N, C-alpha and C. Protein backbone atom coordinates (compact mmCIF):
# COMPACT_ATOMS: atom_id res chain seq x y z
N UNK A 1 5.74 1.74 -36.00
CA UNK A 1 6.95 2.54 -36.11
C UNK A 1 7.98 1.79 -36.92
N UNK A 2 8.75 2.53 -37.68
CA UNK A 2 9.72 1.91 -38.56
C UNK A 2 11.13 2.00 -37.98
N UNK A 3 11.93 0.97 -38.23
CA UNK A 3 13.35 0.93 -37.93
C UNK A 3 13.83 1.64 -36.70
N UNK A 4 14.50 2.77 -36.93
CA UNK A 4 15.13 3.54 -35.86
C UNK A 4 14.14 4.06 -34.84
N UNK A 5 12.96 4.44 -35.29
CA UNK A 5 11.95 4.97 -34.37
C UNK A 5 11.61 3.93 -33.31
N UNK A 6 11.52 2.65 -33.70
CA UNK A 6 11.25 1.56 -32.76
C UNK A 6 12.33 1.51 -31.70
N UNK A 7 13.57 1.57 -32.11
CA UNK A 7 14.70 1.54 -31.19
C UNK A 7 14.70 2.72 -30.24
N UNK A 8 14.36 3.89 -30.76
CA UNK A 8 14.30 5.10 -29.92
C UNK A 8 13.22 4.98 -28.85
N UNK A 9 12.06 4.48 -29.23
CA UNK A 9 10.96 4.32 -28.28
C UNK A 9 11.36 3.30 -27.20
N UNK A 10 11.96 2.20 -27.61
CA UNK A 10 12.39 1.18 -26.65
C UNK A 10 13.44 1.76 -25.70
N UNK A 11 14.39 2.51 -26.23
CA UNK A 11 15.42 3.12 -25.39
C UNK A 11 14.80 4.10 -24.39
N UNK A 12 13.85 4.91 -24.83
CA UNK A 12 13.17 5.85 -23.94
C UNK A 12 12.41 5.12 -22.83
N UNK A 13 11.73 4.04 -23.19
CA UNK A 13 11.00 3.26 -22.20
C UNK A 13 11.95 2.60 -21.19
N UNK A 14 13.05 2.04 -21.69
CA UNK A 14 14.04 1.44 -20.79
C UNK A 14 14.59 2.47 -19.82
N UNK A 15 14.89 3.66 -20.32
CA UNK A 15 15.42 4.73 -19.49
C UNK A 15 14.40 5.14 -18.42
N UNK A 16 13.17 5.28 -18.84
CA UNK A 16 12.10 5.68 -17.90
C UNK A 16 11.90 4.60 -16.83
N UNK A 17 11.87 3.34 -17.21
CA UNK A 17 11.72 2.24 -16.25
C UNK A 17 12.89 2.24 -15.28
N UNK A 18 14.08 2.43 -15.78
CA UNK A 18 15.27 2.47 -14.93
C UNK A 18 15.17 3.59 -13.89
N UNK A 19 14.72 4.76 -14.31
CA UNK A 19 14.57 5.89 -13.38
C UNK A 19 13.51 5.60 -12.33
N UNK A 20 12.39 5.02 -12.75
CA UNK A 20 11.32 4.69 -11.81
C UNK A 20 11.78 3.63 -10.80
N UNK A 21 12.49 2.61 -11.28
CA UNK A 21 13.02 1.60 -10.38
C UNK A 21 14.00 2.22 -9.39
N UNK A 22 14.80 3.16 -9.85
CA UNK A 22 15.75 3.84 -8.97
C UNK A 22 15.05 4.58 -7.85
N UNK A 23 13.99 5.28 -8.17
CA UNK A 23 13.22 6.00 -7.15
C UNK A 23 12.62 5.02 -6.15
N UNK A 24 12.05 3.92 -6.64
CA UNK A 24 11.46 2.94 -5.75
C UNK A 24 12.51 2.29 -4.84
N UNK A 25 13.69 2.00 -5.39
CA UNK A 25 14.77 1.45 -4.57
C UNK A 25 15.23 2.45 -3.52
N UNK A 26 15.35 3.70 -3.92
CA UNK A 26 15.76 4.75 -3.00
C UNK A 26 14.79 4.86 -1.83
N UNK A 27 13.51 4.66 -2.09
CA UNK A 27 12.48 4.74 -1.06
C UNK A 27 12.21 3.39 -0.40
N UNK A 28 13.07 2.41 -0.67
CA UNK A 28 12.96 1.07 -0.07
C UNK A 28 11.63 0.39 -0.38
N UNK A 29 11.12 0.60 -1.58
CA UNK A 29 9.83 0.03 -1.96
C UNK A 29 9.96 -1.19 -2.86
N UNK A 30 11.15 -1.42 -3.44
CA UNK A 30 11.35 -2.63 -4.24
C UNK A 30 12.74 -3.19 -3.97
N UNK A 31 12.86 -4.48 -4.19
CA UNK A 31 14.14 -5.17 -4.20
C UNK A 31 14.00 -6.31 -5.20
N UNK A 32 15.09 -6.96 -5.53
CA UNK A 32 15.06 -7.97 -6.58
C UNK A 32 15.82 -9.20 -6.15
N UNK A 33 15.38 -10.35 -6.62
CA UNK A 33 16.10 -11.59 -6.40
C UNK A 33 15.79 -12.54 -7.54
N UNK A 34 16.82 -13.06 -8.15
CA UNK A 34 16.64 -14.06 -9.20
C UNK A 34 15.76 -13.61 -10.34
N UNK A 35 15.80 -12.32 -10.69
CA UNK A 35 15.00 -11.81 -11.78
C UNK A 35 13.57 -11.45 -11.38
N UNK A 36 13.19 -11.73 -10.15
CA UNK A 36 11.87 -11.35 -9.65
C UNK A 36 11.98 -10.03 -8.90
N UNK A 37 10.96 -9.21 -9.04
CA UNK A 37 10.90 -7.96 -8.30
C UNK A 37 9.93 -8.13 -7.13
N UNK A 38 10.39 -7.79 -5.95
CA UNK A 38 9.57 -7.81 -4.74
C UNK A 38 9.29 -6.37 -4.38
N UNK A 39 8.03 -6.06 -4.11
CA UNK A 39 7.64 -4.68 -3.87
C UNK A 39 6.71 -4.57 -2.66
N UNK A 40 6.68 -3.39 -2.08
CA UNK A 40 5.76 -3.09 -0.98
C UNK A 40 5.31 -1.65 -1.10
N UNK A 41 4.18 -1.36 -0.49
CA UNK A 41 3.78 0.04 -0.36
C UNK A 41 4.08 0.54 1.04
N UNK A 42 4.61 -0.36 1.89
CA UNK A 42 5.01 0.01 3.23
C UNK A 42 3.87 0.18 4.21
N UNK A 43 2.66 -0.17 3.79
CA UNK A 43 1.49 0.01 4.65
C UNK A 43 1.06 -1.32 5.25
N UNK A 44 0.46 -1.25 6.43
CA UNK A 44 -0.09 -2.45 7.07
C UNK A 44 -1.46 -2.74 6.49
N UNK A 45 -1.77 -4.02 6.35
CA UNK A 45 -3.07 -4.44 5.85
C UNK A 45 -3.30 -5.88 6.30
N UNK A 46 -4.52 -6.35 6.21
CA UNK A 46 -4.78 -7.74 6.54
C UNK A 46 -4.41 -8.62 5.34
N UNK A 47 -4.44 -9.92 5.55
CA UNK A 47 -4.00 -10.85 4.52
C UNK A 47 -4.78 -10.70 3.22
N UNK A 48 -6.11 -10.68 3.32
CA UNK A 48 -6.94 -10.61 2.11
C UNK A 48 -6.69 -9.32 1.33
N UNK A 49 -6.54 -8.19 2.05
CA UNK A 49 -6.26 -6.92 1.38
C UNK A 49 -4.90 -6.95 0.71
N UNK A 50 -3.94 -7.62 1.34
CA UNK A 50 -2.60 -7.74 0.77
C UNK A 50 -2.65 -8.54 -0.52
N UNK A 51 -3.34 -9.66 -0.50
CA UNK A 51 -3.48 -10.49 -1.71
C UNK A 51 -4.12 -9.68 -2.83
N UNK A 52 -5.17 -8.93 -2.51
CA UNK A 52 -5.89 -8.13 -3.51
C UNK A 52 -5.00 -7.02 -4.08
N UNK A 53 -4.26 -6.31 -3.23
CA UNK A 53 -3.37 -5.24 -3.70
C UNK A 53 -2.30 -5.80 -4.63
N UNK A 54 -1.79 -6.97 -4.30
CA UNK A 54 -0.78 -7.60 -5.16
C UNK A 54 -1.37 -7.91 -6.54
N UNK A 55 -2.60 -8.43 -6.56
CA UNK A 55 -3.27 -8.72 -7.83
C UNK A 55 -3.50 -7.44 -8.63
N UNK A 56 -3.96 -6.38 -7.95
CA UNK A 56 -4.20 -5.10 -8.62
C UNK A 56 -2.92 -4.56 -9.26
N UNK A 57 -1.79 -4.84 -8.65
CA UNK A 57 -0.51 -4.37 -9.17
C UNK A 57 0.03 -5.28 -10.27
N UNK A 58 -0.69 -6.36 -10.59
CA UNK A 58 -0.25 -7.27 -11.65
C UNK A 58 0.69 -8.35 -11.16
N UNK A 59 0.76 -8.54 -9.85
CA UNK A 59 1.64 -9.55 -9.30
C UNK A 59 0.89 -10.50 -8.40
N UNK A 60 1.62 -11.10 -7.49
CA UNK A 60 1.02 -11.99 -6.50
C UNK A 60 1.77 -11.83 -5.19
N UNK A 61 1.14 -12.25 -4.11
CA UNK A 61 1.75 -12.15 -2.80
C UNK A 61 3.04 -12.99 -2.79
N UNK A 62 4.04 -12.49 -2.11
CA UNK A 62 5.35 -13.13 -2.12
C UNK A 62 5.32 -14.53 -1.51
N UNK A 63 5.97 -15.45 -2.20
CA UNK A 63 6.13 -16.82 -1.73
C UNK A 63 7.58 -17.20 -1.96
N UNK A 64 8.40 -17.19 -0.91
CA UNK A 64 9.82 -17.49 -1.13
C UNK A 64 10.02 -18.92 -1.59
N UNK A 65 10.80 -19.08 -2.65
CA UNK A 65 11.07 -20.40 -3.21
C UNK A 65 12.52 -20.80 -3.10
N UNK A 66 13.33 -19.89 -2.48
CA UNK A 66 14.75 -20.18 -2.26
C UNK A 66 15.30 -19.16 -1.26
N UNK A 67 16.51 -19.37 -0.75
CA UNK A 67 17.07 -18.43 0.24
C UNK A 67 17.16 -16.98 -0.25
N UNK A 68 17.47 -16.76 -1.51
CA UNK A 68 17.56 -15.40 -2.04
C UNK A 68 16.23 -14.67 -1.99
N UNK A 69 15.17 -15.36 -2.37
CA UNK A 69 13.84 -14.76 -2.32
C UNK A 69 13.41 -14.54 -0.87
N UNK A 70 13.77 -15.46 0.00
CA UNK A 70 13.48 -15.28 1.43
C UNK A 70 14.17 -14.02 1.94
N UNK A 71 15.43 -13.82 1.54
CA UNK A 71 16.18 -12.62 1.95
C UNK A 71 15.54 -11.35 1.40
N UNK A 72 15.00 -11.41 0.18
CA UNK A 72 14.35 -10.24 -0.41
C UNK A 72 13.15 -9.83 0.43
N UNK A 73 12.40 -10.80 0.92
CA UNK A 73 11.24 -10.50 1.77
C UNK A 73 11.72 -9.98 3.13
N UNK A 74 12.77 -10.59 3.66
CA UNK A 74 13.32 -10.14 4.94
C UNK A 74 13.83 -8.70 4.88
N UNK A 75 14.25 -8.26 3.71
CA UNK A 75 14.70 -6.88 3.51
C UNK A 75 13.60 -5.92 3.94
N UNK A 76 12.36 -6.19 3.52
CA UNK A 76 11.23 -5.33 3.90
C UNK A 76 10.87 -5.50 5.38
N UNK A 77 10.89 -6.73 5.86
CA UNK A 77 10.56 -6.99 7.26
C UNK A 77 11.50 -6.19 8.17
N UNK A 78 12.77 -6.21 7.85
CA UNK A 78 13.74 -5.49 8.66
C UNK A 78 13.62 -3.98 8.49
N UNK A 79 13.48 -3.52 7.27
CA UNK A 79 13.42 -2.08 7.02
C UNK A 79 12.19 -1.45 7.68
N UNK A 80 11.03 -2.10 7.52
CA UNK A 80 9.79 -1.55 8.06
C UNK A 80 9.51 -2.04 9.49
N UNK A 81 10.38 -2.92 10.01
CA UNK A 81 10.24 -3.45 11.36
C UNK A 81 8.83 -4.00 11.59
N UNK A 82 8.45 -4.93 10.72
CA UNK A 82 7.12 -5.51 10.78
C UNK A 82 7.17 -6.94 10.27
N UNK A 83 6.07 -7.59 10.20
CA UNK A 83 5.97 -8.93 9.65
C UNK A 83 5.58 -8.83 8.18
N UNK A 84 5.60 -9.96 7.50
CA UNK A 84 5.15 -10.01 6.11
C UNK A 84 4.24 -11.20 5.93
N UNK A 85 3.17 -11.00 5.21
CA UNK A 85 2.33 -12.13 4.81
C UNK A 85 3.01 -12.84 3.66
N UNK A 86 2.85 -14.15 3.62
CA UNK A 86 3.41 -14.95 2.53
C UNK A 86 2.28 -15.67 1.81
N UNK A 87 2.56 -16.11 0.60
CA UNK A 87 1.57 -16.81 -0.21
C UNK A 87 1.45 -18.27 0.15
N UNK A 88 1.32 -18.54 1.44
CA UNK A 88 1.13 -19.91 1.90
C UNK A 88 -0.01 -19.94 2.92
N UNK A 89 -0.55 -21.13 3.12
CA UNK A 89 -1.63 -21.30 4.09
C UNK A 89 -1.47 -22.65 4.77
N UNK A 90 -2.10 -22.77 5.91
CA UNK A 90 -2.08 -24.04 6.61
C UNK A 90 -2.93 -25.04 5.84
N UNK A 91 -2.46 -26.27 5.72
CA UNK A 91 -3.22 -27.29 5.02
C UNK A 91 -4.26 -27.88 5.98
N UNK A 92 -4.96 -28.88 5.53
CA UNK A 92 -5.95 -29.54 6.39
C UNK A 92 -5.27 -30.27 7.55
N UNK A 93 -3.98 -30.53 7.41
CA UNK A 93 -3.21 -31.18 8.48
C UNK A 93 -2.58 -30.08 9.33
N UNK A 94 -2.98 -29.94 10.58
CA UNK A 94 -2.43 -28.88 11.44
C UNK A 94 -0.91 -28.91 11.48
N UNK A 95 -0.30 -27.72 11.38
CA UNK A 95 1.15 -27.61 11.41
C UNK A 95 1.81 -27.83 10.07
N UNK A 96 1.05 -28.21 9.05
CA UNK A 96 1.57 -28.39 7.69
C UNK A 96 1.06 -27.24 6.83
N UNK A 97 1.90 -26.76 5.93
CA UNK A 97 1.54 -25.61 5.11
C UNK A 97 1.70 -25.94 3.64
N UNK A 98 1.00 -25.15 2.80
CA UNK A 98 1.02 -25.35 1.35
C UNK A 98 0.89 -23.99 0.67
N UNK A 99 1.12 -23.95 -0.63
CA UNK A 99 0.90 -22.74 -1.40
C UNK A 99 -0.59 -22.43 -1.42
N UNK A 100 -0.94 -21.20 -1.73
CA UNK A 100 -2.35 -20.81 -1.76
C UNK A 100 -3.17 -21.64 -2.75
N UNK A 101 -2.52 -22.12 -3.81
CA UNK A 101 -3.23 -22.93 -4.80
C UNK A 101 -3.30 -24.41 -4.41
N UNK A 102 -2.79 -24.74 -3.21
CA UNK A 102 -2.84 -26.11 -2.72
C UNK A 102 -1.61 -26.94 -2.99
N UNK A 103 -0.68 -26.42 -3.80
CA UNK A 103 0.55 -27.16 -4.11
C UNK A 103 1.46 -27.23 -2.89
N UNK A 104 2.31 -28.26 -2.88
CA UNK A 104 3.27 -28.44 -1.78
C UNK A 104 4.34 -27.36 -1.80
N UNK A 105 4.84 -27.03 -0.63
CA UNK A 105 5.96 -26.09 -0.54
C UNK A 105 7.24 -26.81 -0.98
N UNK A 106 8.02 -26.15 -1.79
CA UNK A 106 9.29 -26.73 -2.21
C UNK A 106 10.45 -26.13 -1.42
N UNK A 107 10.19 -25.06 -0.68
CA UNK A 107 11.22 -24.40 0.13
C UNK A 107 10.59 -23.96 1.44
N UNK A 108 11.27 -24.23 2.53
CA UNK A 108 10.86 -23.72 3.83
C UNK A 108 12.09 -23.26 4.59
N UNK A 109 11.88 -22.37 5.54
CA UNK A 109 12.96 -21.86 6.38
C UNK A 109 12.36 -21.45 7.72
N UNK A 110 11.73 -22.41 8.38
CA UNK A 110 11.05 -22.15 9.64
C UNK A 110 12.05 -21.95 10.78
N UNK A 111 11.66 -21.15 11.76
CA UNK A 111 12.40 -21.07 13.01
C UNK A 111 12.29 -22.40 13.73
N UNK A 112 13.17 -22.64 14.66
CA UNK A 112 13.12 -23.83 15.49
C UNK A 112 11.74 -23.95 16.14
N UNK A 113 11.19 -25.16 16.17
CA UNK A 113 9.88 -25.46 16.76
C UNK A 113 8.71 -24.81 16.00
N UNK A 114 8.92 -24.40 14.79
CA UNK A 114 7.86 -23.86 13.96
C UNK A 114 7.77 -24.72 12.69
N UNK A 115 6.66 -24.78 12.05
CA UNK A 115 5.41 -24.16 12.46
C UNK A 115 4.76 -24.93 13.61
N UNK A 116 4.19 -24.22 14.50
CA UNK A 116 3.58 -24.83 15.68
C UNK A 116 2.07 -24.96 15.53
N UNK A 117 1.50 -24.26 14.52
CA UNK A 117 0.04 -24.29 14.34
C UNK A 117 -0.67 -23.38 15.32
N UNK A 118 0.09 -22.51 16.00
CA UNK A 118 -0.51 -21.62 17.00
C UNK A 118 -0.57 -20.18 16.51
N UNK A 119 -0.46 -19.96 15.21
CA UNK A 119 -0.45 -18.60 14.66
C UNK A 119 0.91 -17.99 14.75
N UNK A 120 1.11 -16.84 14.09
CA UNK A 120 2.39 -16.16 14.05
C UNK A 120 3.54 -17.11 13.77
N UNK A 121 3.36 -17.95 12.77
CA UNK A 121 4.36 -18.95 12.42
C UNK A 121 5.64 -18.33 11.91
């Protein structure tokens, strides 16, 4: 596309994306923090299915890296009155956790006496 046509197509796409994001926000299916979009389909699933659905959508399971991202995840937890899976796992050391790729956590916000290594951390 030449000149103006390129700009028109970009403007149309931006407008369409904005409308779609508005609908998703209205239905409490997305929120944003620090330029990242956090999304849910609002359905319950096990951990592996959640990881797979996130990949299918072109993203990854949420892993809070700061208080703002933690709050974005809590938005869904509170709205849907449920828990959320995170992109972390217990390491070989009981009670210690790491990212799914094995890297160390750079941000944590555990409740008092957690993680306990007894599940439902």
